[in-house]
Protein backbone atom coordinates (compact mmCIF):
# COMPACT_ATOMS: atom_id res chain seq x y z
CA UNK A 1 45.33 -84.66 -1.75
CA UNK A 2 44.75 -80.96 -1.02
CA UNK A 3 46.80 -79.56 1.82
CA UNK A 4 44.62 -78.61 4.78
CA UNK A 5 45.76 -74.98 4.72
CA UNK A 6 44.71 -74.53 1.03
CA UNK A 7 41.33 -76.20 1.63
CA UNK A 8 40.65 -73.97 4.64
CA UNK A 9 41.59 -70.85 2.66
CA UNK A 10 39.09 -71.86 -0.06
CA UNK A 11 36.37 -72.35 2.54
CA UNK A 12 37.02 -68.88 3.95
CA UNK A 13 36.68 -67.37 0.46
CA UNK A 14 33.39 -69.21 -0.15
CA UNK A 15 31.95 -68.09 3.20
CA UNK A 16 33.03 -64.51 2.49
CA UNK A 17 31.07 -64.32 -0.76
CA UNK A 18 27.80 -65.81 0.46
CA UNK A 19 24.90 -63.32 0.32
CA UNK A 20 25.00 -61.14 3.39
CA UNK A 21 27.97 -63.12 4.74
CA UNK A 22 27.66 -65.85 7.35
CA UNK A 23 26.85 -65.10 10.93
CA UNK A 24 26.04 -61.44 10.34
CA UNK A 25 22.44 -61.85 11.39
CA UNK A 26 19.27 -59.95 10.75
CA UNK A 27 20.38 -56.77 12.51
CA UNK A 28 23.07 -56.14 9.89
CA UNK A 29 20.57 -56.93 7.13
CA UNK A 30 18.12 -54.45 8.60
CA UNK A 31 20.87 -51.84 8.98
CA UNK A 32 21.97 -52.24 5.34
CA UNK A 33 18.35 -52.02 4.13
CA UNK A 34 17.83 -48.88 6.25
CA UNK A 35 20.99 -47.29 4.82
CA UNK A 36 19.91 -48.08 1.26
CA UNK A 37 16.46 -46.63 2.04
CA UNK A 38 18.15 -43.44 3.29
CA UNK A 39 20.02 -43.18 -0.03
CA UNK A 40 16.76 -43.81 -1.90
CA UNK A 41 15.05 -41.06 0.12
CA UNK A 42 17.87 -38.69 -0.84
CA UNK A 43 17.22 -39.59 -4.48
CA UNK A 44 13.56 -38.60 -4.03
CA UNK A 45 14.69 -35.30 -2.49
CA UNK A 46 17.05 -34.73 -5.43
CA UNK A 47 14.17 -35.26 -7.87
CA UNK A 48 11.67 -33.13 -5.98
CA UNK A 49 14.14 -30.27 -5.64
CA UNK A 50 15.77 -30.88 -9.04
CA UNK A 51 19.06 -30.76 -7.12
CA UNK A 52 21.89 -32.14 -9.20
CA UNK A 53 24.42 -31.75 -6.36
CA UNK A 54 22.49 -34.20 -4.17
CA UNK A 55 22.23 -36.47 -7.19
CA UNK A 56 25.97 -36.31 -7.91
CA UNK A 57 26.79 -37.23 -4.31
CA UNK A 58 24.51 -40.28 -4.57
CA UNK A 59 26.58 -41.91 -7.32
CA UNK A 60 29.31 -44.40 -6.46
CA UNK A 61 31.38 -43.12 -9.39
CA UNK A 62 29.93 -39.85 -10.70
CA UNK A 63 32.06 -39.94 -13.84
CA UNK A 64 30.79 -43.43 -14.73
CA UNK A 65 27.01 -43.23 -14.83
CA UNK A 66 24.65 -46.04 -15.74
CA UNK A 67 21.17 -44.51 -15.99
CA UNK A 68 18.48 -45.82 -18.33
CA UNK A 69 15.11 -44.18 -18.85
CA UNK A 70 12.48 -44.51 -21.59
CA UNK A 71 14.07 -41.65 -23.53
CA UNK A 72 17.77 -42.46 -23.38
CA UNK A 73 20.73 -44.19 -21.73
CA UNK A 74 23.16 -41.93 -19.94
CA UNK A 75 26.78 -42.89 -19.28
CA UNK A 76 28.55 -39.78 -17.98
CA UNK A 77 27.90 -37.20 -15.32
CA UNK A 78 27.65 -34.52 -18.01
CA UNK A 79 24.89 -36.46 -19.80
CA UNK A 80 22.96 -37.08 -16.58
CA UNK A 81 23.37 -33.49 -15.42
CA UNK A 82 22.18 -32.21 -18.81
CA UNK A 83 19.11 -34.47 -18.64
CA UNK A 84 18.48 -33.50 -15.03
CA UNK A 85 18.71 -29.76 -15.67
CA UNK A 86 17.07 -29.70 -19.09
CA UNK A 87 14.20 -32.07 -18.42
CA UNK A 88 13.65 -32.02 -14.67
CA UNK A 89 14.77 -28.59 -13.51
CA UNK A 90 13.81 -26.44 -16.51
CA UNK A 91 10.87 -28.54 -17.69
CA UNK A 92 8.89 -28.31 -14.46
CA UNK A 93 8.21 -25.61 -11.90
CA UNK A 94 6.96 -28.11 -9.31
CA UNK A 95 7.93 -31.77 -8.89
CA UNK A 96 6.56 -34.44 -6.58
CA UNK A 97 7.97 -37.97 -6.81
CA UNK A 98 6.36 -40.54 -4.53
CA UNK A 99 7.31 -44.18 -4.15
CA UNK A 100 5.29 -47.25 -3.27
CA UNK A 101 5.81 -51.02 -3.10
CA UNK A 102 9.47 -50.49 -2.20
CA UNK A 103 11.50 -53.70 -1.88
CA UNK A 104 15.13 -53.46 -0.78
CA UNK A 105 17.60 -56.35 -0.81
CA UNK A 106 21.34 -56.69 -0.51
CA UNK A 107 24.05 -59.30 -0.84
CA UNK A 108 27.32 -58.24 0.70
CA UNK A 109 28.39 -54.90 -0.75
CA UNK A 110 25.71 -54.79 -3.46
CA UNK A 111 22.10 -53.82 -2.88
CA UNK A 112 19.05 -53.01 -4.94
CA UNK A 113 15.75 -51.24 -4.54
CA UNK A 114 12.75 -51.99 -6.73
CA UNK A 115 9.69 -49.76 -6.51
CA UNK A 116 6.69 -48.20 -8.19
CA UNK A 117 6.78 -44.44 -8.64
CA UNK A 118 4.35 -41.66 -9.38
CA UNK A 119 5.52 -38.27 -10.59
CA UNK A 120 3.16 -35.31 -10.37
CA UNK A 121 4.44 -32.00 -11.61
CA UNK A 122 3.63 -28.63 -13.10
CA UNK A 123 5.25 -28.06 -16.46
CA UNK A 124 7.07 -24.81 -17.19
CA UNK A 125 4.04 -23.70 -19.27
CA UNK A 126 1.75 -24.20 -16.24
CA UNK A 127 0.13 -27.45 -17.40
CA UNK A 128 -0.15 -30.33 -14.95
CA UNK A 129 1.80 -33.50 -15.67
CA UNK A 130 1.51 -36.95 -14.16
CA UNK A 131 3.29 -40.21 -14.92
CA UNK A 132 3.76 -43.59 -13.28
CA UNK A 133 6.20 -46.41 -13.67
CA UNK A 134 8.68 -48.80 -12.11
CA UNK A 135 12.30 -48.39 -11.22
CA UNK A 136 15.22 -50.52 -10.18
CA UNK A 137 18.25 -48.97 -8.53
CA UNK A 138 21.45 -50.87 -7.87
CA UNK A 139 23.62 -49.70 -4.98
CA UNK A 140 27.21 -50.39 -3.98
CA UNK A 141 28.61 -50.01 -0.47
CA UNK A 142 31.47 -47.50 -0.61
CA UNK A 143 33.60 -45.71 1.95
CA UNK A 144 30.94 -42.93 1.72
CA UNK A 145 28.09 -45.36 2.44
CA UNK A 146 25.64 -46.89 -0.03
CA UNK A 147 25.81 -45.18 -3.42
CA UNK A 148 24.03 -45.65 -6.74
CA UNK A 149 25.77 -47.78 -9.35
CA UNK A 150 22.84 -48.10 -11.79
CA UNK A 151 19.28 -46.84 -12.20
CA UNK A 152 16.73 -48.08 -14.72
CA UNK A 153 13.18 -46.90 -14.97
CA UNK A 154 10.26 -47.76 -17.16
CA UNK A 155 6.83 -46.38 -17.88
CA UNK A 156 3.87 -48.61 -18.68
CA UNK A 157 3.45 -49.49 -22.33
CA UNK A 158 0.07 -49.14 -23.99
CA UNK A 159 -1.39 -52.64 -24.24
CA UNK A 160 -2.35 -53.86 -27.69
CA UNK A 161 -6.02 -53.57 -28.65
CA UNK A 162 -8.17 -56.57 -27.78
CA UNK A 163 -10.86 -58.25 -29.82
CA UNK A 164 -9.79 -56.82 -33.16
CA UNK A 165 -7.76 -58.14 -36.01
CA UNK A 166 -4.02 -57.52 -35.90
CA UNK A 167 -2.88 -54.66 -38.08
CA UNK A 168 -0.49 -55.43 -40.90
C-alpha cells in the first residue's frame, strides 16, 4: 500500500506537467501566445534590419544555437552570426520578411510557432530576390521572457515531373 503522502506528491507532479498546467485558464494561454508572438515579431525585425544584436537577445542560450536552414545547420553563436552577417546583412541591401498562417502553441514553459514566410529583398548587386517557405520556431520561457531554443526553416522542393518516365 502506498502511503497517502507519497501518492499525493505524485499527483502534484503529474498535475504540474500537464500541458499549460491545470486551472490556469485561457487568459494565461492567451498571454503566453501573445508573449511568444512578440518574440516572433522581434525575430522579423532582426531579419528586416539584419540586426544580429536583436537576434542574439532572442536566444535562450546564445552560445548553444540550434538553427537549421536549407543550406546548413548552425550550432554556435559564431556560426549563426557569420551566416547572419555574410548572407543576410552583406548579401542584401533591402530585406522584407513577412509571415502568414502563424500558429502559436505552448505547453508549460515550452512554446512553438509554425508559419509560412515570404522574403523579398534586393541583392547587393541590385537584383531583386524573392523566396517562400515554412518555419518552425521552438521557444522556452526564461527569466528574460520567451526565448528561441530552436529554429528550422524549409523552402519548397521542386516537385518531380509528371506524366513522363522516371529517369535512371
